[in-house]
Amino acid sequence: MKIAEQECGAVRVLRPEGPLTGKDADELKGHVSRLLDGSMGRCVVDASAIQYADSRGLEVLVEANDEIVRTGHPLKLSGVNETLRQVLELTGLAPQFEFFADVNAAVRSFL
């Protein structure tokens, strides 16, 4: 999985590309853990290039959110496609995250 990382002021944006499954999901969790040191919990995952997530992918999103919540911020997801959003809603996980249509809206929400 390719994971692009971008800084937007004090906010870090991660953009994983591909399905969020298995080892790729663990790679995303590693990225989130590393960037927490310098971002004070201001993290956005641009999910626009995630086609789907398996159970490990969902677990990683929850684990990443748990880490970020300790900083006082929830994990913010942008560009979530309908399939991923429905899976999060059906599993009861959706309320744990903040959803935004695009990265800019998610970044602005930290202001």
C-alpha atoms as a PDB file:
ATOM      1  CA  MET A   1       0.000   0.000   0.000  1.00  0.00           C
ATOM      2  CA  LYS A   2       1.250   3.442  -0.864  1.00  0.00           C
ATOM      3  CA  ILE A   3       0.624   6.019   1.868  1.00  0.00           C
ATOM      4  CA  ALA A   4       1.223   9.651   0.960  1.00  0.00           C
ATOM      5  CA  GLU A   5       1.828  12.048   3.835  1.00  0.00           C
ATOM      6  CA  GLN A   6       1.260  15.790   3.669  1.00  0.00           C
ATOM      7  CA  GLU A   7       1.471  18.628   6.166  1.00  0.00           C
ATOM      8  CA  CYS A   8      -1.221  21.284   6.144  1.00  0.00           C
ATOM      9  CA  GLY A   9      -0.004  23.684   8.809  1.00  0.00           C
ATOM     10  CA  ALA A  10      -0.117  21.780  12.103  1.00  0.00           C
ATOM     11  CA  VAL A  11      -2.287  19.005  10.623  1.00  0.00           C
ATOM     12  CA  ARG A  12      -0.904  15.818   9.102  1.00  0.00           C
ATOM     13  CA  VAL A  13      -2.840  14.222   6.272  1.00  0.00           C
ATOM     14  CA  LEU A  14      -2.357  10.579   5.339  1.00  0.00           C
ATOM     15  CA  ARG A  15      -3.669   9.309   2.016  1.00  0.00           C
ATOM     16  CA  PRO A  16      -3.518   5.519   1.749  1.00  0.00           C
ATOM     17  CA  GLU A  17      -4.141   4.046  -1.694  1.00  0.00           C
ATOM     18  CA  GLY A  18      -5.712   0.637  -2.119  1.00  0.00           C
ATOM     19  CA  PRO A  19      -7.743  -1.716   0.028  1.00  0.00           C
ATOM     20  CA  LEU A  20      -7.258  -1.430   3.787  1.00  0.00           C
ATOM     21  CA  THR A  21      -6.511  -5.067   4.585  1.00  0.00           C
ATOM     22  CA  GLY A  22      -3.993  -7.184   6.484  1.00  0.00           C
ATOM     23  CA  LYS A  23      -0.402  -5.933   6.442  1.00  0.00           C
ATOM     24  CA  ASP A  24      -1.399  -2.771   4.588  1.00  0.00           C
ATOM     25  CA  ALA A  25      -3.718  -1.867   7.445  1.00  0.00           C
ATOM     26  CA  ASP A  26      -0.879  -2.419   9.918  1.00  0.00           C
ATOM     27  CA  GLU A  27       1.311  -0.136   7.809  1.00  0.00           C
ATOM     28  CA  LEU A  28      -1.290   2.635   8.108  1.00  0.00           C
ATOM     29  CA  LYS A  29      -1.418   2.170  11.889  1.00  0.00           C
ATOM     30  CA  GLY A  30       2.366   2.513  12.011  1.00  0.00           C
ATOM     31  CA  HIS A  31       2.175   5.779  10.065  1.00  0.00           C
ATOM     32  CA  VAL A  32      -0.459   7.153  12.445  1.00  0.00           C
ATOM     33  CA  SER A  33       1.586   6.174  15.495  1.00  0.00           C
ATOM     34  CA  ARG A  34       4.735   7.833  14.114  1.00  0.00           C
ATOM     35  CA  LEU A  35       3.078  11.081  13.157  1.00  0.00           C
ATOM     36  CA  LEU A  36       1.368  11.536  16.515  1.00  0.00           C
ATOM     37  CA  ASP A  37       4.701  12.574  17.976  1.00  0.00           C
ATOM     38  CA  GLY A  38       4.837  15.754  15.902  1.00  0.00           C
ATOM     39  CA  SER A  39       1.219  16.564  15.169  1.00  0.00           C
ATOM     40  CA  MET A  40      -0.373  16.884  18.619  1.00  0.00           C
ATOM     41  CA  GLY A  41      -3.115  14.526  17.447  1.00  0.00           C
ATOM     42  CA  ARG A  42      -4.140  16.605  14.466  1.00  0.00           C
ATOM     43  CA  CYS A  43      -4.524  13.852  11.919  1.00  0.00           C
ATOM     44  CA  VAL A  44      -6.728  13.389   8.875  1.00  0.00           C
ATOM     45  CA  VAL A  45      -6.964  10.180   6.892  1.00  0.00           C
ATOM     46  CA  ASP A  46      -7.961  10.945   3.317  1.00  0.00           C
ATOM     47  CA  ALA A  47      -9.880   7.748   2.583  1.00  0.00           C
ATOM     48  CA  SER A  48     -10.798   8.709  -0.972  1.00  0.00           C
ATOM     49  CA  ALA A  49      -8.439   6.063  -2.418  1.00  0.00           C
ATOM     50  CA  ILE A  50      -9.453   3.249  -0.035  1.00  0.00           C
ATOM     51  CA  GLN A  51     -11.785   0.986  -2.006  1.00  0.00           C
ATOM     52  CA  TYR A  52     -12.754  -1.238   0.919  1.00  0.00           C
ATOM     53  CA  ALA A  53     -11.590  -2.474   4.317  1.00  0.00           C
ATOM     54  CA  ASP A  54     -11.607  -5.929   5.825  1.00  0.00           C
ATOM     55  CA  SER A  55     -11.982  -6.672   9.540  1.00  0.00           C
ATOM     56  CA  ARG A  56      -8.290  -5.916  10.170  1.00  0.00           C
ATOM     57  CA  GLY A  57      -8.645  -2.602   8.326  1.00  0.00           C
ATOM     58  CA  LEU A  58     -11.605  -1.629  10.504  1.00  0.00           C
ATOM     59  CA  GLU A  59      -9.720  -2.718  13.609  1.00  0.00           C
ATOM     60  CA  VAL A  60      -6.747  -0.531  12.624  1.00  0.00           C
ATOM     61  CA  LEU A  61      -9.000   2.505  12.130  1.00  0.00           C
ATOM     62  CA  VAL A  62     -10.424   1.974  15.615  1.00  0.00           C
ATOM     63  CA  GLU A  63      -6.944   1.450  17.138  1.00  0.00           C
ATOM     64  CA  ALA A  64      -5.620   4.564  15.393  1.00  0.00           C
ATOM     65  CA  ASN A  65      -8.608   6.535  16.613  1.00  0.00           C
ATOM     66  CA  ASP A  66      -8.035   5.288  20.167  1.00  0.00           C
ATOM     67  CA  GLU A  67      -4.429   6.543  20.020  1.00  0.00           C
ATOM     68  CA  ILE A  68      -5.450   9.910  18.628  1.00  0.00           C
ATOM     69  CA  VAL A  69      -8.352  10.396  21.061  1.00  0.00           C
ATOM     70  CA  ARG A  70      -5.796  10.394  23.890  1.00  0.00           C
ATOM     71  CA  THR A  71      -4.522  13.703  22.463  1.00  0.00           C
ATOM     72  CA  GLY A  72      -8.017  15.216  22.675  1.00  0.00           C
ATOM     73  CA  HIS A  73      -8.944  14.862  19.003  1.00  0.00           C
ATOM     74  CA  PRO A  74     -10.900  12.170  17.145  1.00  0.00           C
ATOM     75  CA  LEU A  75      -9.529  10.641  13.951  1.00  0.00           C
ATOM     76  CA  LYS A  76     -10.962  12.643  11.074  1.00  0.00           C
ATOM     77  CA  LEU A  77     -11.794  10.803   7.863  1.00  0.00           C
ATOM     78  CA  SER A  78     -12.296  12.591   4.560  1.00  0.00           C
ATOM     79  CA  GLY A  79     -13.534  11.351   1.217  1.00  0.00           C
ATOM     80  CA  VAL A  80     -14.958   8.095   2.587  1.00  0.00           C
ATOM     81  CA  ASN A  81     -16.744   6.216  -0.187  1.00  0.00           C
ATOM     82  CA  GLU A  82     -20.263   4.896   0.299  1.00  0.00           C
ATOM     83  CA  THR A  83     -19.149   1.274   0.744  1.00  0.00           C
ATOM     84  CA  LEU A  84     -16.698   2.038   3.541  1.00  0.00           C
ATOM     85  CA  ARG A  85     -19.151   4.398   5.235  1.00  0.00           C
ATOM     86  CA  GLN A  86     -21.886   1.731   5.174  1.00  0.00           C
ATOM     87  CA  VAL A  87     -19.526  -0.850   6.681  1.00  0.00           C
ATOM     88  CA  LEU A  88     -18.595   1.581   9.459  1.00  0.00           C
ATOM     89  CA  GLU A  89     -22.273   2.307  10.095  1.00  0.00           C
ATOM     90  CA  LEU A  90     -23.369  -1.350  10.015  1.00  0.00           C
ATOM     91  CA  THR A  91     -20.641  -2.343  12.461  1.00  0.00           C
ATOM     92  CA  GLY A  92     -21.552   0.524  14.795  1.00  0.00           C
ATOM     93  CA  LEU A  93     -18.098   2.097  14.418  1.00  0.00           C
ATOM     94  CA  ALA A  94     -19.123   5.257  12.552  1.00  0.00           C
ATOM     95  CA  PRO A  95     -19.842   7.367  15.682  1.00  0.00           C
ATOM     96  CA  GLN A  96     -16.183   7.052  16.717  1.00  0.00           C
ATOM     97  CA  PHE A  97     -15.013   9.146  13.757  1.00  0.00           C
ATOM     98  CA  GLU A  98     -15.625  12.567  12.288  1.00  0.00           C
ATOM     99  CA  PHE A  99     -16.421  12.489   8.566  1.00  0.00           C
ATOM    100  CA  PHE A 100     -15.712  15.259   6.053  1.00  0.00           C
ATOM    101  CA  ALA A 101     -16.381  15.521   2.341  1.00  0.00           C
ATOM    102  CA  ASP A 102     -12.814  16.581   1.559  1.00  0.00           C
ATOM    103  CA  VAL A 103      -9.398  17.099   3.116  1.00  0.00           C
ATOM    104  CA  ASN A 104      -9.722  20.892   3.257  1.00  0.00           C
ATOM    105  CA  ALA A 105     -12.892  20.704   5.336  1.00  0.00           C
ATOM    106  CA  ALA A 106     -11.270  18.191   7.697  1.00  0.00           C
ATOM    107  CA  VAL A 107      -8.149  20.348   8.116  1.00  0.00           C
ATOM    108  CA  ARG A 108     -10.246  23.487   8.738  1.00  0.00           C
ATOM    109  CA  SER A 109     -12.168  21.669  11.470  1.00  0.00           C
ATOM    110  CA  PHE A 110      -9.072  21.891  13.687  1.00  0.00           C
ATOM    111  CA  LEU A 111      -9.269  25.710  13.705  1.00  0.00           C
END
